[in-house]
Every structure is written in C-alpha cells, then in structure tokens.
Protein backbone atom coordinates (compact mmCIF):
# COMPACT_ATOMS: atom_id res chain seq x y z
CA MET A 1 11.09 -10.12 -6.50
CA THR A 2 8.09 -8.62 -7.36
CA LYS A 3 7.83 -5.75 -5.59
CA ARG A 4 11.28 -4.69 -6.59
CA ILE A 5 10.46 -5.08 -10.40
CA LEU A 6 7.28 -3.05 -9.62
CA LEU A 7 9.50 -0.31 -8.12
CA LEU A 8 12.42 -0.04 -10.17
CA LEU A 9 10.20 0.38 -13.52
CA THR A 10 7.84 2.91 -11.52
CA ILE A 11 11.24 4.64 -10.62
CA VAL A 12 12.57 4.29 -14.16
CA PHE A 13 9.40 6.09 -15.15
CA LEU A 14 9.00 8.71 -13.14
CA THR A 15 13.16 9.55 -13.80
CA GLN A 16 12.33 9.72 -17.52
CA ALA A 17 9.35 11.43 -18.14
CA ALA A 18 10.75 14.12 -15.66
CA GLN A 19 13.71 14.51 -17.56
CA ALA A 20 11.65 14.53 -20.62
CA GLN A 21 9.66 17.65 -19.02
CA LEU A 22 12.67 19.11 -17.74
CA PHE A 23 14.50 19.56 -20.71
CA SER A 24 11.93 19.75 -23.39
CA LYS A 25 11.92 22.81 -25.75
CA GLU A 26 8.01 23.17 -25.38
CA ARG A 27 7.02 25.60 -23.02
CA LEU A 28 3.18 26.18 -23.28
CA SER A 29 1.83 25.31 -20.10
CA ASN A 30 -1.36 22.73 -19.73
CA LEU A 31 -4.05 23.75 -17.43
CA GLU A 32 -2.24 26.77 -16.07
CA THR A 33 -5.30 27.48 -13.56
CA PHE A 34 -5.92 23.91 -12.12
CA ASP A 35 -4.02 24.43 -8.97
CA ASN A 36 -5.92 27.27 -8.01
CA ARG A 37 -9.04 25.26 -7.02
CA PHE A 38 -10.17 24.46 -4.07
CA LEU A 39 -11.50 21.37 -4.48
CA THR A 40 -10.79 18.99 -7.35
CA TRP A 41 -11.68 15.15 -7.82
CA GLY A 42 -10.42 12.24 -9.72
CA TYR A 43 -9.60 8.60 -9.42
CA PHE A 44 -6.90 5.84 -9.57
CA LEU A 45 -5.61 2.48 -10.83
CA GLY A 46 -2.74 0.99 -9.43
CA PHE A 47 -0.16 -1.68 -8.05
CA ASN A 48 0.23 -2.95 -4.70
CA SER A 49 2.54 -5.52 -2.90
CA TYR A 50 1.66 -6.32 0.63
CA ASP A 51 3.94 -8.24 3.17
CA PHE A 52 4.25 -9.09 6.62
CA LYS A 53 6.43 -8.09 9.00
CA ILE A 54 6.51 -10.72 12.15
CA GLU A 55 7.86 -10.64 15.81
CA TYR A 56 8.77 -13.25 17.40
CA GLU A 57 7.86 -14.19 21.35
CA ASP A 58 11.02 -16.30 21.47
CA GLN A 59 13.87 -13.50 20.72
CA ALA A 60 16.23 -16.66 19.97
CA GLN A 61 13.99 -17.81 16.99
CA ASP A 62 16.34 -19.86 14.65
CA ASP A 63 16.02 -18.32 10.81
CA ASN A 64 15.44 -21.91 9.76
CA THR A 65 12.23 -21.65 11.61
CA ASP A 66 11.14 -18.05 10.81
CA ILE A 67 7.71 -18.06 8.88
CA LEU A 68 8.20 -17.15 5.51
CA VAL A 69 5.76 -14.82 3.66
CA GLU A 70 5.30 -14.92 -0.46
CA ASN A 71 3.35 -11.74 -1.71
CA GLN A 72 2.27 -11.52 -4.81
CA ALA A 73 1.01 -8.44 -7.14
CA GLY A 74 -2.08 -7.37 -6.52
CA PHE A 75 -4.41 -4.90 -7.95
CA ASN A 76 -5.79 -0.96 -6.74
CA VAL A 77 -8.79 0.93 -7.78
CA GLY A 78 -10.53 4.00 -5.97
CA LEU A 79 -11.27 7.45 -6.12
CA ILE A 80 -9.88 11.05 -5.18
CA GLY A 81 -10.96 14.13 -3.17
CA ASP A 82 -8.32 16.77 -2.72
CA MET A 83 -8.86 19.84 -0.79
CA ARG A 84 -6.40 23.23 -1.70
CA ILE A 85 -4.86 24.35 1.52
CA ASN A 86 -2.50 26.57 0.23
CA ARG A 87 0.14 26.82 -2.85
CA TYR A 88 2.38 24.18 -1.57
CA ILE A 89 0.13 22.02 0.52
CA ASN A 90 -3.18 19.98 -0.34
CA LEU A 91 -5.51 17.54 2.04
CA ARG A 92 -6.44 14.36 0.37
CA LEU A 93 -8.79 11.31 1.11
CA GLU A 94 -8.48 8.39 -1.11
CA PRO A 95 -10.76 5.38 -0.42
CA GLY A 96 -10.09 2.40 -2.37
CA LEU A 97 -10.64 -1.15 -3.32
CA TYR A 98 -7.24 -3.30 -2.74
CA PHE A 99 -6.98 -6.70 -3.73
CA ALA A 100 -3.85 -8.71 -2.52
CA GLN A 101 -2.67 -12.14 -1.15
CA ARG A 102 -0.06 -13.19 0.51
CA ASN A 103 1.17 -16.79 1.19
CA LEU A 104 2.70 -17.86 4.92
CA ILE A 105 4.62 -20.99 5.12
CA PHE A 106 5.53 -22.53 8.21
CA PRO A 107 8.92 -24.65 7.69
CA ASN A 108 8.15 -26.58 10.71
CA PHE A 109 5.87 -28.54 9.01
CA GLU A 110 6.03 -31.49 6.17
CA GLU A 111 2.27 -31.43 4.74
CA GLU A 112 1.10 -28.83 2.38
CA ARG A 113 -2.18 -28.77 4.25
CA ASP A 114 0.15 -27.61 7.33
CA PHE A 115 2.69 -25.44 6.00
CA LEU A 116 1.12 -23.15 3.61
CA ARG A 117 -1.60 -20.61 4.52
CA GLU A 118 -2.99 -18.38 1.70
CA THR A 119 -4.45 -15.05 3.18
CA LYS A 120 -6.37 -13.42 0.41
CA SER A 121 -7.47 -10.11 1.18
CA THR A 122 -9.98 -7.46 -0.42
CA TYR A 123 -9.63 -4.17 1.43
CA ILE A 124 -11.42 -1.05 1.85
CA HIS A 125 -8.86 1.21 2.29
CA VAL A 126 -9.28 4.86 3.06
CA PRO A 127 -6.00 7.16 3.70
CA LEU A 128 -5.72 10.84 4.60
CA LEU A 129 -3.09 12.61 3.06
CA VAL A 130 -0.84 15.51 3.29
CA LYS A 131 0.34 16.28 -0.30
CA PHE A 132 3.47 18.76 -0.03
CA SER A 133 4.61 20.09 -3.46
CA THR A 134 7.30 22.16 -4.37
CA GLU A 135 7.05 24.87 -7.32
CA ARG A 136 5.75 23.78 -10.72
CA LEU A 137 8.44 23.13 -13.53
CA ASN A 138 7.10 23.68 -17.04
CA ASN A 139 3.93 20.80 -17.11
CA PHE A 140 5.26 19.07 -13.86
CA LYS A 141 5.50 19.32 -10.58
CA PRO A 142 7.26 16.56 -7.71
CA PHE A 143 5.58 15.87 -4.24
CA VAL A 144 5.79 14.22 -1.60
CA VAL A 145 2.76 12.93 0.83
CA ALA A 146 2.27 11.71 4.25
CA GLY A 147 -0.65 10.82 6.42
CA VAL A 148 -2.56 7.89 8.17
CA SER A 149 -5.00 5.62 7.31
CA ARG A 150 -7.80 2.41 7.91
CA SER A 151 -8.68 -0.73 6.25
CA PHE A 152 -11.24 -2.90 6.69
CA ASN A 153 -10.98 -6.12 5.36
CA LEU A 154 -13.80 -7.61 3.73
CA SER A 155 -12.33 -11.54 3.38
CA SER A 156 -11.44 -11.37 7.24
CA SER A 157 -11.80 -14.15 8.88
CA GLU A 158 -11.58 -12.70 12.70
CA GLU A 159 -14.76 -14.04 13.76
CA ASN A 160 -14.30 -17.65 12.21
CA PRO A 161 -14.57 -20.28 14.84
CA GLU A 162 -12.43 -22.32 13.47
CA ASP A 163 -8.32 -21.68 13.58
CA ASN A 164 -5.33 -23.38 12.41
CA GLU A 165 -6.12 -26.68 13.41
CA GLN A 166 -8.94 -26.96 10.74
CA GLY A 167 -6.76 -24.96 8.27
CA GLN A 168 -7.53 -21.44 8.78
CA PHE A 169 -5.59 -18.14 9.44
CA ARG A 170 -7.44 -15.60 10.74
CA MET A 171 -6.97 -11.89 10.64
CA THR A 172 -8.56 -8.92 12.63
CA THR A 173 -10.54 -7.28 10.27
CA GLY A 174 -9.43 -3.47 10.78
CA THR A 175 -5.89 -2.35 10.31
CA ASN A 176 -4.36 1.02 11.08
CA TYR A 177 -1.68 2.41 9.05
CA PHE A 178 0.79 5.45 8.32
CA GLU A 179 1.98 6.19 4.66
CA LEU A 180 4.62 8.05 3.48
CA GLY A 181 5.63 8.48 -0.29
CA PHE A 182 6.42 10.48 -3.72
CA GLY A 183 5.00 11.62 -6.92
CA ILE A 184 5.38 13.35 -9.96
CA ASP A 185 2.40 15.55 -11.50
CA PHE A 186 2.19 16.21 -15.05
CA TYR A 187 -0.17 19.18 -16.53
CA LEU A 188 -1.50 17.26 -19.96
CA TYR A 189 -3.74 19.20 -22.33
CA TYR A 190 -7.35 17.81 -20.93
CA PHE A 191 -6.34 16.78 -17.53
CA LYS A 192 -3.49 16.19 -14.59
CA PHE A 193 -1.97 12.66 -14.45
CA THR A 194 0.34 11.62 -11.36
CA PRO A 195 2.19 8.30 -10.93
CA SER A 196 3.36 7.86 -7.28
CA ILE A 197 4.82 5.32 -5.25
CA ARG A 198 3.72 4.85 -0.86
CA GLY A 199 4.79 2.73 1.59
CA VAL A 200 2.53 1.59 3.96
CA PHE A 201 3.05 0.59 7.34
CA ALA A 202 0.65 -0.95 10.05
CA THR A 203 0.62 -0.04 13.49
CA SER A 204 -1.42 -2.61 15.43
CA ASP A 205 -1.51 -6.51 15.62
CA GLU A 206 -3.10 -7.88 13.12
CA LEU A 207 -3.08 -11.82 13.90
CA VAL A 208 -6.02 -13.39 15.68
CA ARG A 209 -4.16 -16.24 17.62
CA ASP A 210 -5.45 -19.71 17.86
CA ASP A 211 -7.24 -21.46 21.06
CA ASP A 212 -4.37 -23.24 22.15
CA PRO A 213 -1.50 -20.78 23.36
CA ASN A 214 1.08 -23.30 22.11
CA SER A 215 -0.36 -23.31 18.37
CA PRO A 216 2.52 -24.21 16.48
CA TRP A 217 0.84 -22.04 14.07
CA THR A 218 0.49 -18.79 16.56
CA GLY A 219 1.79 -19.24 19.90
CA ASN A 220 5.36 -17.68 19.42
CA ILE A 221 4.11 -14.48 17.49
CA SER A 222 4.01 -11.68 19.33
CA LYS A 223 3.07 -9.32 16.90
CA LEU A 224 1.93 -9.67 12.48
CA SER A 225 1.36 -6.35 11.09
CA THR A 226 1.04 -5.35 7.40
CA ARG A 227 3.60 -3.44 5.25
CA GLY A 228 3.43 -2.90 1.48
CA ILE A 229 4.10 -0.70 -1.45
CA PHE A 230 1.32 1.29 -3.29
CA ILE A 231 2.03 2.29 -7.11
CA ASN A 232 -1.02 4.51 -8.08
CA PHE A 233 -1.40 6.10 -11.23
CA THR A 234 -4.26 9.02 -10.83
CA PHE A 235 -6.58 11.01 -12.95
CA GLN A 236 -7.74 14.06 -12.51
C-alpha cells in the first residue's frame, strides 16, 4: 500500500508540473546553457520501498504457505555526477545511502519469535546510469534512464554464525541490480530540479541459508532477490 501511494503521488506531481510548464504563457528560459556543460554535480533526497521476490524449490508451493513480505517506506540521500555525452545522452553516477526495512512473515509458525523476521538494511548503493533525454520544452525536459548498480549492505548478517534457529535471518552483503526509470528536468531560476521514479531489480540471490538444509525458514527457497522503487528529488 505504501509503495502504491508513493508511486501515485509522484506520477500526479510529475504530470501536473509538466502540464504547468507546457501550457504556461511564460516563455523565458532559465539556465539556457546548463546542458552544455561537460560535467555537472548535485545531490538527491528521496524515498524508497524495497520488496523481495521469492522463488521456491517446491513448484507446488501452496499460496497459504508462501512467505509474506511487509515493506515499509525508507529514506535516500546521495550525490550525483553527470557527464554529457551528446545533446540527448548523459552518463550518471549516483552513489547514495539508502535506509530500508522489510518484514518477513512465515505463516507455518504460531509464535512471533518464529514467524516474524525483521530485515533492517542500510545500503551504500552505487548505480551507473545512462540518461536519454528529449528536446527541451520551455523550462522542462523529460527523460528515461537505465543502467546497472551494486549495493553493499552495512547491516548485513552474512558472517553471523547464528541463523534462524536463533532468530537471525541472514542476507548477503553485496547485491547486483539493473535499473529502469523516468523523470523530468525542471529548469528553475537558480538550479535544475528533477523528480524521478526508478525501479530496481536484483539479479543475484541474496539469501544466506540456514545450516540445516531442511530448515523451515530457508529450506524451500531457491532464490530470494530484492526489487523496489526509488523516488528521488535531485538538485543540480
């Protein structure tokens, strides 16, 4: 629910802001030479909603025994380095710090100490992105962005000798992703402001399995990988 609300609000904001720029009678151009710079810098603030995609060893897995994922909104902050390739293409590096939490619920258990696993994560997330822009229209310019990324979970319990028998759900420290998103550059009087939405999809298995191969927590999971939505507001 949180993810849907954040996504809906951002899409409404982008649509209304674009319409305001497109149909405004004001035609004065702000920051006319901004996009001619070879290198530009900035920072971003935003929100995230992380989720898990879970695949099972037993293809006949009953829906009533599927692991449930409760995701919560998190916070993002980071820096931006942008390199101009040509008029329509830019290469971007966006290292950031991402705070997230997901709760896993295992329905086969009755006691909370067994059925609930909180996975709090603090990621250093480093994406390398290619930005494809349209022509500038008045004081805004839509774009799409795609790329790959790597994250390092500072809260990882990969090396922890305890597992779910002791209440510890373990995940790997490093994860690889591909990313896809869109946004709009708004050229204001003093700076460029960019709201954007990006989907992230892990390509690697992040689960560290319990020592017991028949563990009721991890024994039937063939792959556990992150997916999520980033909503960022960039200032350059």
